[in-house]
Structure formats: C-alpha cells, structure tokens
C-alpha cells in the first residue's frame, strides 16, 4: 500500500543539517575568534547552542515518527552524540 510506505522527509534533512552546522560551528569557533573580534565568537557559540537544541528536539521528532526512514536520522544522531560528547569533554576540562 502506497500510504503505508516509509519516506525520508524534511525532518530528517533538518536534523542532519542542524547536526552538521553544530559540528562546523564547533570546529570553526577557535579560528574565527582568533581571526576576528570576540563578537563573532559569541555568534558562533549561539549557533552551537541553537543547533544542539534543534538536534535534540529532532531526535524525538524523527525517531518517534512511524513513517520516517531511519537512515539519515541515525547518521545525524551519531553526529549529535559526538557533538554532545565534545561539549561535555570541554566543559569538564
């Protein structure tokens, strides 16, 4: 039946994009803050916080959806867990 098939929707792509933007923001935080003023680093830190929040919300949205394919959300989940691990590590030290 066509209406019972699983699909990859915008939710999966939003989750993946938010995870990747959070990772890139974390990688580019130090070089951008050294090359520019400290106000840029505040903006990048805001991207990290917002991206992490969006990623955590999208975990629930994509994995509790019955019609959503799980490949892209699983990749995004792995990236999000790595991001959370890096943030915890940096906060711990």
PDB file of N, CA and C in Angstrom:
ATOM      1  N   UNK A   1       0.833  -1.175   0.000  1.00  0.00           N
ATOM      2  CA  UNK A   1       0.000   0.000   0.000  1.00  0.00           C
ATOM      3  C   UNK A   1       0.878   1.239   0.000  1.00  0.00           C
ATOM      4  N   UNK A   2       0.541   2.157  -0.812  1.00  0.00           N
ATOM      5  CA  UNK A   2       1.350   3.349  -1.005  1.00  0.00           C
ATOM      6  C   UNK A   2       1.396   4.228   0.233  1.00  0.00           C
ATOM      7  N   UNK A   3       0.313   4.381   0.940  1.00  0.00           N
ATOM      8  CA  UNK A   3       0.279   5.302   2.075  1.00  0.00           C
ATOM      9  C   UNK A   3       0.941   4.711   3.325  1.00  0.00           C
ATOM     10  N   UNK A   4       1.298   3.434   3.278  1.00  0.00           N
ATOM     11  CA  UNK A   4       1.982   2.816   4.402  1.00  0.00           C
ATOM     12  C   UNK A   4       3.496   2.776   4.216  1.00  0.00           C
ATOM     13  N   UNK A   5       4.007   3.254   3.088  1.00  0.00           N
ATOM     14  CA  UNK A   5       5.436   3.179   2.841  1.00  0.00           C
ATOM     15  C   UNK A   5       6.180   4.246   3.637  1.00  0.00           C
ATOM     16  N   UNK A   6       7.410   3.935   3.984  1.00  0.00           N
ATOM     17  CA  UNK A   6       8.237   4.876   4.740  1.00  0.00           C
ATOM     18  C   UNK A   6       8.903   5.853   3.788  1.00  0.00           C
ATOM     19  N   UNK A   7       9.065   7.089   4.246  1.00  0.00           N
ATOM     20  CA  UNK A   7       9.643   8.142   3.430  1.00  0.00           C
ATOM     21  C   UNK A   7      10.721   8.871   4.218  1.00  0.00           C
ATOM     22  N   UNK A   8      11.568   9.570   3.489  1.00  0.00           N
ATOM     23  CA  UNK A   8      12.525  10.477   4.095  1.00  0.00           C
ATOM     24  C   UNK A   8      11.976  11.883   3.888  1.00  0.00           C
ATOM     25  N   UNK A   9      11.654  12.552   4.974  1.00  0.00           N
ATOM     26  CA  UNK A   9      11.016  13.864   4.861  1.00  0.00           C
ATOM     27  C   UNK A   9      11.991  14.977   5.242  1.00  0.00           C
ATOM     28  N   UNK A  10      11.484  16.181   5.258  1.00  0.00           N
ATOM     29  CA  UNK A  10      12.275  17.352   5.608  1.00  0.00           C
ATOM     30  C   UNK A  10      12.782  17.268   7.034  1.00  0.00           C
ATOM     31  N   UNK A  11      12.099  16.521   7.891  1.00  0.00           N
ATOM     32  CA  UNK A  11      12.527  16.392   9.287  1.00  0.00           C
ATOM     33  C   UNK A  11      13.902  15.746   9.383  1.00  0.00           C
ATOM     34  N   UNK A  12      14.106  14.707   8.595  1.00  0.00           N
ATOM     35  CA  UNK A  12      15.399  14.021   8.599  1.00  0.00           C
ATOM     36  C   UNK A  12      16.506  14.938   8.105  1.00  0.00           C
ATOM     37  N   UNK A  13      16.227  15.661   7.039  1.00  0.00           N
ATOM     38  CA  UNK A  13      17.239  16.568   6.490  1.00  0.00           C
ATOM     39  C   UNK A  13      17.517  17.737   7.429  1.00  0.00           C
ATOM     40  N   UNK A  14      16.483  18.257   8.094  1.00  0.00           N
ATOM     41  CA  UNK A  14      16.693  19.323   9.077  1.00  0.00           C
ATOM     42  C   UNK A  14      17.559  18.833  10.227  1.00  0.00           C
ATOM     43  N   UNK A  15      17.318  17.624  10.680  1.00  0.00           N
ATOM     44  CA  UNK A  15      18.114  17.025  11.743  1.00  0.00           C
ATOM     45  C   UNK A  15      19.569  16.886  11.319  1.00  0.00           C
ATOM     46  N   UNK A  16      19.790  16.398  10.111  1.00  0.00           N
ATOM     47  CA  UNK A  16      21.154  16.229   9.611  1.00  0.00           C
ATOM     48  C   UNK A  16      21.849  17.579   9.431  1.00  0.00           C
ATOM     49  N   UNK A  17      21.155  18.547   8.877  1.00  0.00           N
ATOM     50  CA  UNK A  17      21.751  19.871   8.660  1.00  0.00           C
ATOM     51  C   UNK A  17      22.074  20.536   9.987  1.00  0.00           C
ATOM     52  N   UNK A  18      21.177  20.428  10.968  1.00  0.00           N
ATOM     53  CA  UNK A  18      21.442  21.023  12.284  1.00  0.00           C
ATOM     54  C   UNK A  18      22.657  20.372  12.941  1.00  0.00           C
ATOM     55  N   UNK A  19      22.800  19.069  12.801  1.00  0.00           N
ATOM     56  CA  UNK A  19      23.951  18.370  13.381  1.00  0.00           C
ATOM     57  C   UNK A  19      25.252  18.797  12.710  1.00  0.00           C
ATOM     58  N   UNK A  20      25.227  18.911  11.396  1.00  0.00           N
ATOM     59  CA  UNK A  20      26.438  19.298  10.659  1.00  0.00           C
ATOM     60  C   UNK A  20      26.807  20.752  10.949  1.00  0.00           C
ATOM     61  N   UNK A  21      25.816  21.649  11.007  1.00  0.00           N
ATOM     62  CA  UNK A  21      26.102  23.054  11.306  1.00  0.00           C
ATOM     63  C   UNK A  21      26.667  23.194  12.715  1.00  0.00           C
ATOM     64  N   UNK A  22      26.152  22.418  13.652  1.00  0.00           N
ATOM     65  CA  UNK A  22      26.695  22.448  15.010  1.00  0.00           C
ATOM     66  C   UNK A  22      28.143  21.980  15.020  1.00  0.00           C
ATOM     67  N   UNK A  23      28.442  20.920  14.295  1.00  0.00           N
ATOM     68  CA  UNK A  23      29.820  20.421  14.232  1.00  0.00           C
ATOM     69  C   UNK A  23      30.755  21.436  13.580  1.00  0.00           C
ATOM     70  N   UNK A  24      30.320  22.016  12.465  1.00  0.00           N
ATOM     71  CA  UNK A  24      31.152  23.024  11.799  1.00  0.00           C
ATOM     72  C   UNK A  24      31.358  24.253  12.670  1.00  0.00           C
ATOM     73  N   UNK A  25      30.334  24.642  13.409  1.00  0.00           N
ATOM     74  CA  UNK A  25      30.468  25.782  14.315  1.00  0.00           C
ATOM     75  C   UNK A  25      31.490  25.493  15.413  1.00  0.00           C
ATOM     76  N   UNK A  26      31.477  24.269  15.906  1.00  0.00           N
ATOM     77  CA  UNK A  26      32.444  23.900  16.949  1.00  0.00           C
ATOM     78  C   UNK A  26      33.863  23.878  16.390  1.00  0.00           C
ATOM     79  N   UNK A  27      34.009  23.418  15.160  1.00  0.00           N
ATOM     80  CA  UNK A  27      35.338  23.359  14.541  1.00  0.00           C
ATOM     81  C   UNK A  27      35.852  24.758  14.218  1.00  0.00           C
ATOM     82  N   UNK A  28      34.962  25.625  13.748  1.00  0.00           N
ATOM     83  CA  UNK A  28      35.374  26.963  13.308  1.00  0.00           C
ATOM     84  C   UNK A  28      35.375  28.015  14.417  1.00  0.00           C
ATOM     85  N   UNK A  29      34.986  27.645  15.631  1.00  0.00           N
ATOM     86  CA  UNK A  29      34.909  28.625  16.714  1.00  0.00           C
ATOM     87  C   UNK A  29      36.263  29.246  17.021  1.00  0.00           C
ATOM     88  N   UNK A  30      37.274  28.437  17.196  1.00  0.00           N
ATOM     89  CA  UNK A  30      38.598  28.964  17.541  1.00  0.00           C
ATOM     90  C   UNK A  30      39.238  29.753  16.396  1.00  0.00           C
ATOM     91  N   UNK A  31      39.279  29.236  15.166  1.00  0.00           N
ATOM     92  CA  UNK A  31      39.882  30.037  14.095  1.00  0.00           C
ATOM     93  C   UNK A  31      39.155  31.357  13.841  1.00  0.00           C
ATOM     94  N   UNK A  32      37.834  31.354  13.928  1.00  0.00           N
ATOM     95  CA  UNK A  32      37.091  32.588  13.709  1.00  0.00           C
ATOM     96  C   UNK A  32      37.324  33.592  14.830  1.00  0.00           C
ATOM     97  N   UNK A  33      37.426  33.109  16.055  1.00  0.00           N
ATOM     98  CA  UNK A  33      37.639  34.042  17.158  1.00  0.00           C
ATOM     99  C   UNK A  33      39.047  34.622  17.133  1.00  0.00           C
ATOM    100  N   UNK A  34      40.007  33.886  16.624  1.00  0.00           N
ATOM    101  CA  UNK A  34      41.368  34.416  16.507  1.00  0.00           C
ATOM    102  C   UNK A  34      41.485  35.386  15.329  1.00  0.00           C
ATOM    103  N   UNK A  35      40.765  35.132  14.256  1.00  0.00           N
ATOM    104  CA  UNK A  35      40.882  35.972  13.066  1.00  0.00           C
ATOM    105  C   UNK A  35      40.036  37.237  13.146  1.00  0.00           C
ATOM    106  N   UNK A  36      38.970  37.204  13.925  1.00  0.00           N
ATOM    107  CA  UNK A  36      38.074  38.353  14.012  1.00  0.00           C
ATOM    108  C   UNK A  36      37.907  38.759  15.468  1.00  0.00           C
ATOM    109  N   UNK A  37      36.965  39.638  15.700  1.00  0.00           N
ATOM    110  CA  UNK A  37      36.715  40.102  17.062  1.00  0.00           C
ATOM    111  C   UNK A  37      35.974  39.027  17.865  1.00  0.00           C
ATOM    112  N   UNK A  38      35.853  39.278  19.148  1.00  0.00           N
ATOM    113  CA  UNK A  38      35.178  38.321  20.017  1.00  0.00           C
ATOM    114  C   UNK A  38      33.667  38.288  19.805  1.00  0.00           C
ATOM    115  N   UNK A  39      33.108  39.281  19.145  1.00  0.00           N
ATOM    116  CA  UNK A  39      31.667  39.260  18.913  1.00  0.00           C
ATOM    117  C   UNK A  39      31.281  38.144  17.947  1.00  0.00           C
ATOM    118  N   UNK A  40      32.151  37.822  17.028  1.00  0.00           N
ATOM    119  CA  UNK A  40      31.896  36.706  16.112  1.00  0.00           C
ATOM    120  C   UNK A  40      31.856  35.389  16.880  1.00  0.00           C
ATOM    121  N   UNK A  41      32.725  35.242  17.859  1.00  0.00           N
ATOM    122  CA  UNK A  41      32.726  34.001  18.634  1.00  0.00           C
ATOM    123  C   UNK A  41      31.439  33.852  19.440  1.00  0.00           C
ATOM    124  N   UNK A  42      30.840  34.964  19.872  1.00  0.00           N
ATOM    125  CA  UNK A  42      29.549  34.880  20.559  1.00  0.00           C
ATOM    126  C   UNK A  42      28.451  34.406  19.605  1.00  0.00           C
ATOM    127  N   UNK A  43      28.509  34.865  18.375  1.00  0.00           N
ATOM    128  CA  UNK A  43      27.519  34.443  17.378  1.00  0.00           C
ATOM    129  C   UNK A  43      27.689  32.959  17.063  1.00  0.00           C
ATOM    130  N   UNK A  44      28.922  32.518  16.916  1.00  0.00           N
ATOM    131  CA  UNK A  44      29.184  31.101  16.632  1.00  0.00           C
ATOM    132  C   UNK A  44      28.773  30.238  17.820  1.00  0.00           C
ATOM    133  N   UNK A  45      29.033  30.706  19.034  1.00  0.00           N
ATOM    134  CA  UNK A  45      28.597  29.973  20.226  1.00  0.00           C
ATOM    135  C   UNK A  45      27.078  29.880  20.273  1.00  0.00           C
ATOM    136  N   UNK A  46      26.390  30.913  19.823  1.00  0.00           N
ATOM    137  CA  UNK A  46      24.925  30.874  19.753  1.00  0.00           C
ATOM    138  C   UNK A  46      24.461  29.828  18.738  1.00  0.00           C
ATOM    139  N   UNK A  47      25.158  29.735  17.590  1.00  0.00           N
ATOM    140  CA  UNK A  47      24.842  28.703  16.606  1.00  0.00           C
ATOM    141  C   UNK A  47      25.006  27.309  17.211  1.00  0.00           C
ATOM    142  N   UNK A  48      26.033  27.127  18.027  1.00  0.00           N
ATOM    143  CA  UNK A  48      26.268  25.828  18.650  1.00  0.00           C
ATOM    144  C   UNK A  48      25.121  25.476  19.586  1.00  0.00           C
ATOM    145  N   UNK A  49      24.707  26.410  20.416  1.00  0.00           N
ATOM    146  CA  UNK A  49      23.637  26.147  21.382  1.00  0.00           C
ATOM    147  C   UNK A  49      22.313  25.893  20.670  1.00  0.00           C
ATOM    148  N   UNK A  50      21.977  26.736  19.698  1.00  0.00           N
ATOM    149  CA  UNK A  50      20.718  26.577  18.966  1.00  0.00           C
ATOM    150  C   UNK A  50      20.731  25.286  18.154  1.00  0.00           C
ATOM    151  N   UNK A  51      21.846  25.003  17.492  1.00  0.00           N
ATOM    152  CA  UNK A  51      21.948  23.771  16.708  1.00  0.00           C
ATOM    153  C   UNK A  51      21.837  22.523  17.558  1.00  0.00           C
ATOM    154  N   UNK A  52      22.427  22.565  18.737  1.00  0.00           N
ATOM    155  CA  UNK A  52      22.331  21.415  19.639  1.00  0.00           C
ATOM    156  C   UNK A  52      20.899  21.238  20.137  1.00  0.00           C
ATOM    157  N   UNK A  53      20.230  22.340  20.449  1.00  0.00           N
ATOM    158  CA  UNK A  53      18.837  22.275  20.894  1.00  0.00           C
ATOM    159  C   UNK A  53      17.945  21.711  19.787  1.00  0.00           C
ATOM    160  N   UNK A  54      18.118  22.213  18.566  1.00  0.00           N
ATOM    161  CA  UNK A  54      17.320  21.725  17.435  1.00  0.00           C
ATOM    162  C   UNK A  54      17.593  20.242  17.194  1.00  0.00           C
ATOM    163  N   UNK A  55      18.845  19.834  17.310  1.00  0.00           N
ATOM    164  CA  UNK A  55      19.196  18.428  17.104  1.00  0.00           C
ATOM    165  C   UNK A  55      18.533  17.530  18.137  1.00  0.00           C
ATOM    166  N   UNK A  56      18.540  17.953  19.381  1.00  0.00           N
ATOM    167  CA  UNK A  56      17.933  17.137  20.439  1.00  0.00           C
ATOM    168  C   UNK A  56      16.423  17.048  20.236  1.00  0.00           C
ATOM    169  N   UNK A  57      15.789  18.137  19.849  1.00  0.00           N
ATOM    170  CA  UNK A  57      14.347  18.096  19.580  1.00  0.00           C
ATOM    171  C   UNK A  57      14.055  17.189  18.395  1.00  0.00           C
ATOM    172  N   UNK A  58      14.891  17.262  17.361  1.00  0.00           N
ATOM    173  CA  UNK A  58      14.659  16.453  16.164  1.00  0.00           C
ATOM    174  C   UNK A  58      14.906  14.962  16.400  1.00  0.00           C
ATOM    175  N   UNK A  59      15.659  14.614  17.435  1.00  0.00           N
ATOM    176  CA  UNK A  59      15.809  13.200  17.789  1.00  0.00           C
ATOM    177  C   UNK A  59      14.429  12.615  18.069  1.00  0.00           C
ATOM    178  N   UNK A  60      13.677  13.297  18.924  1.00  0.00           N
ATOM    179  CA  UNK A  60      12.340  12.811  19.252  1.00  0.00           C
ATOM    180  C   UNK A  60      11.390  12.835  18.074  1.00  0.00           C
ATOM    181  N   UNK A  61      11.455  13.886  17.283  1.00  0.00           N
ATOM    182  CA  UNK A  61      10.531  14.025  16.153  1.00  0.00           C
ATOM    183  C   UNK A  61      10.777  12.943  15.112  1.00  0.00           C
ATOM    184  N   UNK A  62      12.030  12.682  14.778  1.00  0.00           N
ATOM    185  CA  UNK A  62      12.296  11.724  13.695  1.00  0.00           C
ATOM    186  C   UNK A  62      12.215  10.271  14.150  1.00  0.00           C
ATOM    187  N   UNK A  63      12.651   9.975  15.362  1.00  0.00           N
ATOM    188  CA  UNK A  63      12.660   8.574  15.769  1.00  0.00           C
ATOM    189  C   UNK A  63      11.313   8.077  16.277  1.00  0.00           C
ATOM    190  N   UNK A  64      10.411   8.980  16.643  1.00  0.00           N
ATOM    191  CA  UNK A  64       9.082   8.546  17.065  1.00  0.00           C
ATOM    192  C   UNK A  64       8.060   8.616  15.934  1.00  0.00           C
ATOM    193  N   UNK A  65       8.495   9.038  14.762  1.00  0.00           N
ATOM    194  CA  UNK A  65       7.621   9.047  13.596  1.00  0.00           C
ATOM    195  C   UNK A  65       7.636   7.649  12.958  1.00  0.00           C
ATOM    196  N   UNK A  66       6.478   7.107  12.746  1.00  0.00           N
ATOM    197  CA  UNK A  66       6.390   5.754  12.190  1.00  0.00           C
ATOM    198  C   UNK A  66       6.634   5.724  10.688  1.00  0.00           C
ATOM    199  N   UNK A  67       6.405   6.835  10.005  1.00  0.00           N
ATOM    200  CA  UNK A  67       6.548   6.869   8.550  1.00  0.00           C
ATOM    201  C   UNK A  67       7.935   7.289   8.105  1.00  0.00           C
ATOM    202  N   UNK A  68       8.802   7.675   9.014  1.00  0.00           N
ATOM    203  CA  UNK A  68      10.112   8.216   8.664  1.00  0.00           C
ATOM    204  C   UNK A  68      11.138   7.085   8.517  1.00  0.00           C
ATOM    205  N   UNK A  69      11.897   7.128   7.410  1.00  0.00           N
ATOM    206  CA  UNK A  69      13.020   6.213   7.282  1.00  0.00           C
ATOM    207  C   UNK A  69      14.065   6.597   8.325  1.00  0.00           C
ATOM    208  N   UNK A  70      14.834   5.656   8.790  1.00  0.00           N
ATOM    209  CA  UNK A  70      15.714   5.909   9.920  1.00  0.00           C
ATOM    210  C   UNK A  70      17.193   6.039   9.566  1.00  0.00           C
ATOM    211  N   UNK A  71      17.583   5.955   8.304  1.00  0.00           N
ATOM    212  CA  UNK A  71      18.999   6.011   7.954  1.00  0.00           C
ATOM    213  C   UNK A  71      19.587   7.399   8.206  1.00  0.00           C
ATOM    214  N   UNK A  72      19.010   8.433   7.642  1.00  0.00           N
ATOM    215  CA  UNK A  72      19.538   9.791   7.817  1.00  0.00           C
ATOM    216  C   UNK A  72      19.429  10.236   9.273  1.00  0.00           C
ATOM    217  N   UNK A  73      18.303   9.980   9.977  1.00  0.00           N
ATOM    218  CA  UNK A  73      18.283  10.346  11.398  1.00  0.00           C
ATOM    219  C   UNK A  73      19.327   9.606  12.237  1.00  0.00           C
ATOM    220  N   UNK A  74      19.670   8.381  11.860  1.00  0.00           N
ATOM    221  CA  UNK A  74      20.694   7.646  12.598  1.00  0.00           C
ATOM    222  C   UNK A  74      22.062   8.285  12.400  1.00  0.00           C
ATOM    223  N   UNK A  75      22.371   8.698  11.193  1.00  0.00           N
ATOM    224  CA  UNK A  75      23.637   9.397  10.929  1.00  0.00           C
ATOM    225  C   UNK A  75      23.683  10.707  11.708  1.00  0.00           C
ATOM    226  N   UNK A  76      22.569  11.441  11.682  1.00  0.00           N
ATOM    227  CA  UNK A  76      22.504  12.704  12.415  1.00  0.00           C
ATOM    228  C   UNK A  76      22.592  12.477  13.918  1.00  0.00           C
ATOM    229  N   UNK A  77      22.026  11.382  14.407  1.00  0.00           N
ATOM    230  CA  UNK A  77      22.116  11.056  15.835  1.00  0.00           C
ATOM    231  C   UNK A  77      23.558  10.801  16.246  1.00  0.00           C
ATOM    232  N   UNK A  78      24.304  10.090  15.429  1.00  0.00           N
ATOM    233  CA  UNK A  78      25.715   9.824  15.725  1.00  0.00           C
ATOM    234  C   UNK A  78      26.501  11.134  15.781  1.00  0.00           C
ATOM    235  N   UNK A  79      26.255  12.017  14.821  1.00  0.00           N
ATOM    236  CA  UNK A  79      26.946  13.316  14.820  1.00  0.00           C
ATOM    237  C   UNK A  79      26.555  14.126  16.049  1.00  0.00           C
ATOM    238  N   UNK A  80      25.264  14.099  16.407  1.00  0.00           N
ATOM    239  CA  UNK A  80      24.796  14.833  17.581  1.00  0.00           C
ATOM    240  C   UNK A  80      25.417  14.281  18.860  1.00  0.00           C
ATOM    241  N   UNK A  81      25.501  12.973  18.980  1.00  0.00           N
ATOM    242  CA  UNK A  81      26.118  12.382  20.170  1.00  0.00           C
ATOM    243  C   UNK A  81      27.602  12.738  20.258  1.00  0.00           C
ATOM    244  N   UNK A  82      28.287  12.792  19.121  1.00  0.00           N
ATOM    245  CA  UNK A  82      29.683  13.234  19.125  1.00  0.00           C
ATOM    246  C   UNK A  82      29.783  14.703  19.559  1.00  0.00           C
ATOM    247  N   UNK A  83      28.871  15.535  19.073  1.00  0.00           N
ATOM    248  CA  UNK A  83      28.852  16.939  19.472  1.00  0.00           C
ATOM    249  C   UNK A  83      28.626  17.084  20.978  1.00  0.00           C
ATOM    250  N   UNK A  84      27.673  16.338  21.497  1.00  0.00           N
ATOM    251  CA  UNK A  84      27.403  16.388  22.933  1.00  0.00           C
ATOM    252  C   UNK A  84      28.614  15.903  23.717  1.00  0.00           C
ATOM    253  N   UNK A  85      29.259  14.848  23.231  1.00  0.00           N
ATOM    254  CA  UNK A  85      30.462  14.340  23.898  1.00  0.00           C
ATOM    255  C   UNK A  85      31.584  15.364  23.931  1.00  0.00           C
ATOM    256  N   UNK A  86      31.780  16.076  22.823  1.00  0.00           N
ATOM    257  CA  UNK A  86      32.820  17.112  22.777  1.00  0.00           C
ATOM    258  C   UNK A  86      32.486  18.249  23.733  1.00  0.00           C
ATOM    259  N   UNK A  87      31.229  18.661  23.761  1.00  0.00           N
ATOM    260  CA  UNK A  87      30.824  19.747  24.659  1.00  0.00           C
ATOM    261  C   UNK A  87      30.997  19.337  26.111  1.00  0.00           C
ATOM    262  N   UNK A  88      30.616  18.130  26.455  1.00  0.00           N
ATOM    263  CA  UNK A  88      30.809  17.643  27.829  1.00  0.00           C
ATOM    264  C   UNK A  88      32.276  17.561  28.170  1.00  0.00           C
ATOM    265  N   UNK A  89      33.088  17.074  27.245  1.00  0.00           N
ATOM    266  CA  UNK A  89      34.529  16.981  27.495  1.00  0.00           C
ATOM    267  C   UNK A  89      35.130  18.363  27.722  1.00  0.00           C
ATOM    268  N   UNK A  90      34.766  19.324  26.884  1.00  0.00           N
ATOM    269  CA  UNK A  90      35.321  20.672  27.023  1.00  0.00           C
ATOM    270  C   UNK A  90      34.798  21.363  28.290  1.00  0.00           C
ATOM    271  N   UNK A  91      33.560  21.074  28.684  1.00  0.00           N
ATOM    272  CA  UNK A  91      33.042  21.650  29.911  1.00  0.00           C
ATOM    273  C   UNK A  91      33.692  21.016  31.141  1.00  0.00           C
ATOM    274  N   UNK A  92      34.075  19.748  31.009  1.00  0.00           N
ATOM    275  CA  UNK A  92      34.687  19.024  32.137  1.00  0.00           C
ATOM    276  C   UNK A  92      36.110  19.523  32.394  1.00  0.00           C
ATOM    277  N   UNK A  93      36.842  19.848  31.323  1.00  0.00           N
ATOM    278  CA  UNK A  93      38.242  20.267  31.499  1.00  0.00           C
ATOM    279  C   UNK A  93      38.391  21.744  31.667  1.00  0.00           C
TER     280      UNK A  93
END
